[in-house]
Amino acid sequence: MVKKPSLPLKQTILDAAVRPEDRLRLGTALSAISKEHDITNADVEALEQSLEHVRDSRPVEPYRFE
């Protein structure tokens, strides 16, 4: 008689298949880039503020399919 694997084992197998250990972690990559180029939170805030002046804040017209 074959015994079914328990739920944690199934979850472990699925996690290993979907999320390999050598995957790129976005947060870690962005942190490394910011450290490499000496980007601070103040730099990001200044960029966000400068983009507010050029960003179009008007509502978007919905697409019309006729």
PDB file of N, CA and C in Angstrom:
ATOM      1  N   MET A   1       0.839  -1.175   0.000  1.00  0.00           N
ATOM      2  CA  MET A   1       0.000   0.000   0.000  1.00  0.00           C
ATOM      3  C   MET A   1       0.886   1.240   0.000  1.00  0.00           C
ATOM      4  N   VAL A   2       0.568   2.212  -0.886  1.00  0.00           N
ATOM      5  CA  VAL A   2       1.334   3.441  -1.004  1.00  0.00           C
ATOM      6  C   VAL A   2       0.739   4.485  -0.076  1.00  0.00           C
ATOM      7  N   LYS A   3       1.623   5.059   0.732  1.00  0.00           N
ATOM      8  CA  LYS A   3       1.167   6.085   1.669  1.00  0.00           C
ATOM      9  C   LYS A   3       1.295   7.455   1.008  1.00  0.00           C
ATOM     10  N   LYS A   4       0.255   8.287   1.112  1.00  0.00           N
ATOM     11  CA  LYS A   4       0.297   9.623   0.543  1.00  0.00           C
ATOM     12  C   LYS A   4       1.213  10.517   1.386  1.00  0.00           C
ATOM     13  N   PRO A   5       1.995  11.398   0.734  1.00  0.00           N
ATOM     14  CA  PRO A   5       2.837  12.315   1.505  1.00  0.00           C
ATOM     15  C   PRO A   5       1.983  13.295   2.292  1.00  0.00           C
ATOM     16  N   SER A   6       2.517  13.719   3.405  1.00  0.00           N
ATOM     17  CA  SER A   6       1.782  14.685   4.219  1.00  0.00           C
ATOM     18  C   SER A   6       1.779  16.047   3.536  1.00  0.00           C
ATOM     19  N   LEU A   7       0.887  16.901   3.948  1.00  0.00           N
ATOM     20  CA  LEU A   7       0.746  18.212   3.339  1.00  0.00           C
ATOM     21  C   LEU A   7       2.042  19.029   3.419  1.00  0.00           C
ATOM     22  N   PRO A   8       2.762  19.060   4.540  1.00  0.00           N
ATOM     23  CA  PRO A   8       3.999  19.842   4.552  1.00  0.00           C
ATOM     24  C   PRO A   8       5.018  19.361   3.518  1.00  0.00           C
ATOM     25  N   LEU A   9       5.111  18.079   3.264  1.00  0.00           N
ATOM     26  CA  LEU A   9       6.040  17.568   2.269  1.00  0.00           C
ATOM     27  C   LEU A   9       5.624  18.016   0.878  1.00  0.00           C
ATOM     28  N   LYS A  10       4.325  17.965   0.593  1.00  0.00           N
ATOM     29  CA  LYS A  10       3.825  18.444  -0.692  1.00  0.00           C
ATOM     30  C   LYS A  10       4.154  19.924  -0.856  1.00  0.00           C
ATOM     31  N   GLN A  11       3.932  20.688   0.183  1.00  0.00           N
ATOM     32  CA  GLN A  11       4.206  22.120   0.123  1.00  0.00           C
ATOM     33  C   GLN A  11       5.693  22.372  -0.093  1.00  0.00           C
ATOM     34  N   THR A  12       6.535  21.598   0.537  1.00  0.00           N
ATOM     35  CA  THR A  12       7.982  21.735   0.371  1.00  0.00           C
ATOM     36  C   THR A  12       8.392  21.452  -1.067  1.00  0.00           C
ATOM     37  N   ILE A  13       7.820  20.432  -1.653  1.00  0.00           N
ATOM     38  CA  ILE A  13       8.139  20.078  -3.040  1.00  0.00           C
ATOM     39  C   ILE A  13       7.667  21.178  -3.986  1.00  0.00           C
ATOM     40  N   LEU A  14       6.462  21.686  -3.771  1.00  0.00           N
ATOM     41  CA  LEU A  14       5.941  22.757  -4.618  1.00  0.00           C
ATOM     42  C   LEU A  14       6.764  24.039  -4.468  1.00  0.00           C
ATOM     43  N   ASP A  15       7.138  24.378  -3.239  1.00  0.00           N
ATOM     44  CA  ASP A  15       7.966  25.569  -3.012  1.00  0.00           C
ATOM     45  C   ASP A  15       9.306  25.452  -3.720  1.00  0.00           C
ATOM     46  N   ALA A  16       9.908  24.277  -3.669  1.00  0.00           N
ATOM     47  CA  ALA A  16      11.196  24.071  -4.332  1.00  0.00           C
ATOM     48  C   ALA A  16      11.066  24.183  -5.849  1.00  0.00           C
ATOM     49  N   ALA A  17       9.940  23.751  -6.378  1.00  0.00           N
ATOM     50  CA  ALA A  17       9.735  23.809  -7.833  1.00  0.00           C
ATOM     51  C   ALA A  17       9.429  25.228  -8.296  1.00  0.00           C
ATOM     52  N   VAL A  18       8.646  25.952  -7.522  1.00  0.00           N
ATOM     53  CA  VAL A  18       8.214  27.286  -7.922  1.00  0.00           C
ATOM     54  C   VAL A  18       9.243  28.354  -7.562  1.00  0.00           C
ATOM     55  N   ARG A  19       9.891  28.202  -6.415  1.00  0.00           N
ATOM     56  CA  ARG A  19      10.853  29.201  -5.954  1.00  0.00           C
ATOM     57  C   ARG A  19      12.227  28.565  -5.751  1.00  0.00           C
ATOM     58  N   PRO A  20      13.023  28.495  -6.801  1.00  0.00           N
ATOM     59  CA  PRO A  20      14.354  27.913  -6.638  1.00  0.00           C
ATOM     60  C   PRO A  20      15.227  28.793  -5.732  1.00  0.00           C
ATOM     61  N   GLU A  21      16.206  28.173  -5.100  1.00  0.00           N
ATOM     62  CA  GLU A  21      17.058  28.889  -4.148  1.00  0.00           C
ATOM     63  C   GLU A  21      17.868  29.999  -4.808  1.00  0.00           C
ATOM     64  N   ASP A  22      18.249  29.830  -6.064  1.00  0.00           N
ATOM     65  CA  ASP A  22      19.114  30.806  -6.718  1.00  0.00           C
ATOM     66  C   ASP A  22      18.325  31.881  -7.463  1.00  0.00           C
ATOM     67  N   ARG A  23      17.037  32.047  -7.118  1.00  0.00           N
ATOM     68  CA  ARG A  23      16.223  33.048  -7.806  1.00  0.00           C
ATOM     69  C   ARG A  23      16.667  34.466  -7.432  1.00  0.00           C
ATOM     70  N   LEU A  24      16.397  35.384  -8.329  1.00  0.00           N
ATOM     71  CA  LEU A  24      16.718  36.776  -8.085  1.00  0.00           C
ATOM     72  C   LEU A  24      15.659  37.366  -7.177  1.00  0.00           C
ATOM     73  N   ARG A  25      16.092  37.938  -6.083  1.00  0.00           N
ATOM     74  CA  ARG A  25      15.174  38.606  -5.168  1.00  0.00           C
ATOM     75  C   ARG A  25      15.238  40.089  -5.465  1.00  0.00           C
ATOM     76  N   LEU A  26      14.112  40.652  -5.853  1.00  0.00           N
ATOM     77  CA  LEU A  26      14.055  42.024  -6.331  1.00  0.00           C
ATOM     78  C   LEU A  26      14.524  43.019  -5.276  1.00  0.00           C
ATOM     79  N   GLY A  27      14.059  42.879  -4.059  1.00  0.00           N
ATOM     80  CA  GLY A  27      14.464  43.793  -2.991  1.00  0.00           C
ATOM     81  C   GLY A  27      15.965  43.765  -2.751  1.00  0.00           C
ATOM     82  N   THR A  28      16.543  42.589  -2.749  1.00  0.00           N
ATOM     83  CA  THR A  28      17.977  42.440  -2.548  1.00  0.00           C
ATOM     84  C   THR A  28      18.745  43.072  -3.703  1.00  0.00           C
ATOM     85  N   ALA A  29      18.273  42.880  -4.931  1.00  0.00           N
ATOM     86  CA  ALA A  29      18.936  43.456  -6.098  1.00  0.00           C
ATOM     87  C   ALA A  29      18.871  44.975  -6.071  1.00  0.00           C
ATOM     88  N   LEU A  30      17.701  45.536  -5.740  1.00  0.00           N
ATOM     89  CA  LEU A  30      17.568  46.992  -5.672  1.00  0.00           C
ATOM     90  C   LEU A  30      18.433  47.578  -4.564  1.00  0.00           C
ATOM     91  N   SER A  31      18.513  46.898  -3.456  1.00  0.00           N
ATOM     92  CA  SER A  31      19.363  47.352  -2.353  1.00  0.00           C
ATOM     93  C   SER A  31      20.826  47.365  -2.764  1.00  0.00           C
ATOM     94  N   ALA A  32      21.259  46.335  -3.468  1.00  0.00           N
ATOM     95  CA  ALA A  32      22.652  46.270  -3.924  1.00  0.00           C
ATOM     96  C   ALA A  32      22.961  47.394  -4.907  1.00  0.00           C
ATOM     97  N   ILE A  33      22.023  47.680  -5.804  1.00  0.00           N
ATOM     98  CA  ILE A  33      22.226  48.756  -6.780  1.00  0.00           C
ATOM     99  C   ILE A  33      22.319  50.102  -6.070  1.00  0.00           C
ATOM    100  N   SER A  34      21.436  50.332  -5.106  1.00  0.00           N
ATOM    101  CA  SER A  34      21.450  51.617  -4.409  1.00  0.00           C
ATOM    102  C   SER A  34      22.723  51.794  -3.589  1.00  0.00           C
ATOM    103  N   LYS A  35      23.224  50.721  -3.001  1.00  0.00           N
ATOM    104  CA  LYS A  35      24.484  50.814  -2.248  1.00  0.00           C
ATOM    105  C   LYS A  35      25.660  51.042  -3.185  1.00  0.00           C
ATOM    106  N   GLU A  36      25.649  50.385  -4.333  1.00  0.00           N
ATOM    107  CA  GLU A  36      26.736  50.519  -5.296  1.00  0.00           C
ATOM    108  C   GLU A  36      26.841  51.945  -5.831  1.00  0.00           C
ATOM    109  N   HIS A  37      25.685  52.605  -5.989  1.00  0.00           N
ATOM    110  CA  HIS A  37      25.669  53.946  -6.572  1.00  0.00           C
ATOM    111  C   HIS A  37      25.412  55.036  -5.532  1.00  0.00           C
ATOM    112  N   ASP A  38      25.478  54.698  -4.244  1.00  0.00           N
ATOM    113  CA  ASP A  38      25.281  55.639  -3.136  1.00  0.00           C
ATOM    114  C   ASP A  38      23.966  56.402  -3.253  1.00  0.00           C
ATOM    115  N   ILE A  39      22.878  55.703  -3.536  1.00  0.00           N
ATOM    116  CA  ILE A  39      21.557  56.314  -3.622  1.00  0.00           C
ATOM    117  C   ILE A  39      20.912  56.227  -2.241  1.00  0.00           C
ATOM    118  N   THR A  40      20.436  57.375  -1.753  1.00  0.00           N
ATOM    119  CA  THR A  40      19.811  57.421  -0.436  1.00  0.00           C
ATOM    120  C   THR A  40      18.303  57.625  -0.572  1.00  0.00           C
ATOM    121  N   ASN A  41      17.602  57.510   0.541  1.00  0.00           N
ATOM    122  CA  ASN A  41      16.164  57.769   0.539  1.00  0.00           C
ATOM    123  C   ASN A  41      15.883  59.208   0.136  1.00  0.00           C
ATOM    124  N   ALA A  42      16.749  60.136   0.551  1.00  0.00           N
ATOM    125  CA  ALA A  42      16.584  61.541   0.186  1.00  0.00           C
ATOM    126  C   ALA A  42      16.657  61.707  -1.338  1.00  0.00           C
ATOM    127  N   ASP A  43      17.525  60.960  -1.996  1.00  0.00           N
ATOM    128  CA  ASP A  43      17.620  61.023  -3.456  1.00  0.00           C
ATOM    129  C   ASP A  43      16.315  60.552  -4.105  1.00  0.00           C
ATOM    130  N   VAL A  44      15.763  59.482  -3.597  1.00  0.00           N
ATOM    131  CA  VAL A  44      14.525  58.937  -4.147  1.00  0.00           C
ATOM    132  C   VAL A  44      13.372  59.917  -3.916  1.00  0.00           C
ATOM    133  N   GLU A  45      13.312  60.505  -2.720  1.00  0.00           N
ATOM    134  CA  GLU A  45      12.253  61.472  -2.421  1.00  0.00           C
ATOM    135  C   GLU A  45      12.360  62.691  -3.330  1.00  0.00           C
ATOM    136  N   ALA A  46      13.575  63.172  -3.584  1.00  0.00           N
ATOM    137  CA  ALA A  46      13.770  64.315  -4.470  1.00  0.00           C
ATOM    138  C   ALA A  46      13.315  63.978  -5.891  1.00  0.00           C
ATOM    139  N   LEU A  47      13.603  62.771  -6.345  1.00  0.00           N
ATOM    140  CA  LEU A  47      13.168  62.341  -7.672  1.00  0.00           C
ATOM    141  C   LEU A  47      11.646  62.283  -7.748  1.00  0.00           C
ATOM    142  N   GLU A  48      11.014  61.725  -6.714  1.00  0.00           N
ATOM    143  CA  GLU A  48       9.554  61.644  -6.692  1.00  0.00           C
ATOM    144  C   GLU A  48       8.925  63.036  -6.731  1.00  0.00           C
ATOM    145  N   GLN A  49       9.490  63.975  -5.985  1.00  0.00           N
ATOM    146  CA  GLN A  49       8.957  65.337  -5.968  1.00  0.00           C
ATOM    147  C   GLN A  49       9.121  66.007  -7.320  1.00  0.00           C
ATOM    148  N   SER A  50      10.246  65.787  -7.989  1.00  0.00           N
ATOM    149  CA  SER A  50      10.457  66.409  -9.289  1.00  0.00           C
ATOM    150  C   SER A  50       9.530  65.808 -10.344  1.00  0.00           C
ATOM    151  N   LEU A  51       9.178  64.540 -10.197  1.00  0.00           N
ATOM    152  CA  LEU A  51       8.272  63.897 -11.147  1.00  0.00           C
ATOM    153  C   LEU A  51       6.835  64.364 -10.966  1.00  0.00           C
ATOM    154  N   GLU A  52       6.482  64.816  -9.760  1.00  0.00           N
ATOM    155  CA  GLU A  52       5.115  65.295  -9.522  1.00  0.00           C
ATOM    156  C   GLU A  52       4.816  66.523 -10.371  1.00  0.00           C
ATOM    157  N   HIS A  53       5.822  67.316 -10.678  1.00  0.00           N
ATOM    158  CA  HIS A  53       5.623  68.541 -11.449  1.00  0.00           C
ATOM    159  C   HIS A  53       5.393  68.241 -12.930  1.00  0.00           C
ATOM    160  N   VAL A  54       5.928  67.170 -13.444  1.00  0.00           N
ATOM    161  CA  VAL A  54       5.792  66.852 -14.860  1.00  0.00           C
ATOM    162  C   VAL A  54       4.725  65.788 -15.132  1.00  0.00           C
ATOM    163  N   ARG A  55       4.273  65.139 -14.102  1.00  0.00           N
ATOM    164  CA  ARG A  55       3.290  64.070 -14.264  1.00  0.00           C
ATOM    165  C   ARG A  55       1.921  64.668 -14.562  1.00  0.00           C
ATOM    166  N   ASP A  56       1.239  64.115 -15.528  1.00  0.00           N
ATOM    167  CA  ASP A  56      -0.099  64.560 -15.896  1.00  0.00           C
ATOM    168  C   ASP A  56      -1.092  63.978 -14.892  1.00  0.00           C
ATOM    169  N   SER A  57      -1.783  64.823 -14.154  1.00  0.00           N
ATOM    170  CA  SER A  57      -2.685  64.339 -13.112  1.00  0.00           C
ATOM    171  C   SER A  57      -4.146  64.314 -13.552  1.00  0.00           C
ATOM    172  N   ARG A  58      -4.382  64.597 -14.834  1.00  0.00           N
ATOM    173  CA  ARG A  58      -5.755  64.543 -15.330  1.00  0.00           C
ATOM    174  C   ARG A  58      -6.233  63.098 -15.379  1.00  0.00           C
ATOM    175  N   PRO A  59      -7.541  62.891 -15.167  1.00  0.00           N
ATOM    176  CA  PRO A  59      -8.048  61.517 -15.261  1.00  0.00           C
ATOM    177  C   PRO A  59      -7.922  60.997 -16.693  1.00  0.00           C
ATOM    178  N   VAL A  60      -7.718  59.725 -16.801  1.00  0.00           N
ATOM    179  CA  VAL A  60      -7.558  59.096 -18.105  1.00  0.00           C
ATOM    180  C   VAL A  60      -8.929  58.875 -18.726  1.00  0.00           C
ATOM    181  N   GLU A  61      -9.035  59.179 -20.005  1.00  0.00           N
ATOM    182  CA  GLU A  61     -10.268  58.913 -20.721  1.00  0.00           C
ATOM    183  C   GLU A  61     -10.400  57.415 -20.959  1.00  0.00           C
ATOM    184  N   PRO A  62     -11.550  56.845 -20.650  1.00  0.00           N
ATOM    185  CA  PRO A  62     -11.712  55.407 -20.891  1.00  0.00           C
ATOM    186  C   PRO A  62     -11.739  55.091 -22.389  1.00  0.00           C
ATOM    187  N   TYR A  63     -11.274  53.908 -22.726  1.00  0.00           N
ATOM    188  CA  TYR A  63     -11.328  53.462 -24.121  1.00  0.00           C
ATOM    189  C   TYR A  63     -12.774  53.263 -24.537  1.00  0.00           C
ATOM    190  N   ARG A  64     -13.041  53.574 -25.780  1.00  0.00           N
ATOM    191  CA  ARG A  64     -14.388  53.359 -26.320  1.00  0.00           C
ATOM    192  C   ARG A  64     -14.277  52.371 -27.476  1.00  0.00           C
ATOM    193  N   PHE A  65     -15.014  51.295 -27.373  1.00  0.00           N
ATOM    194  CA  PHE A  65     -15.030  50.303 -28.440  1.00  0.00           C
ATOM    195  C   PHE A  65     -16.358  50.427 -29.160  1.00  0.00           C
ATOM    196  N   GLU A  66     -16.289  50.818 -30.406  1.00  0.00           N
ATOM    197  CA  GLU A  66     -17.531  51.011 -31.171  1.00  0.00           C
ATOM    198  C   GLU A  66     -17.599  50.064 -32.334  1.00  0.00           C
TER     199      GLU A  66
END
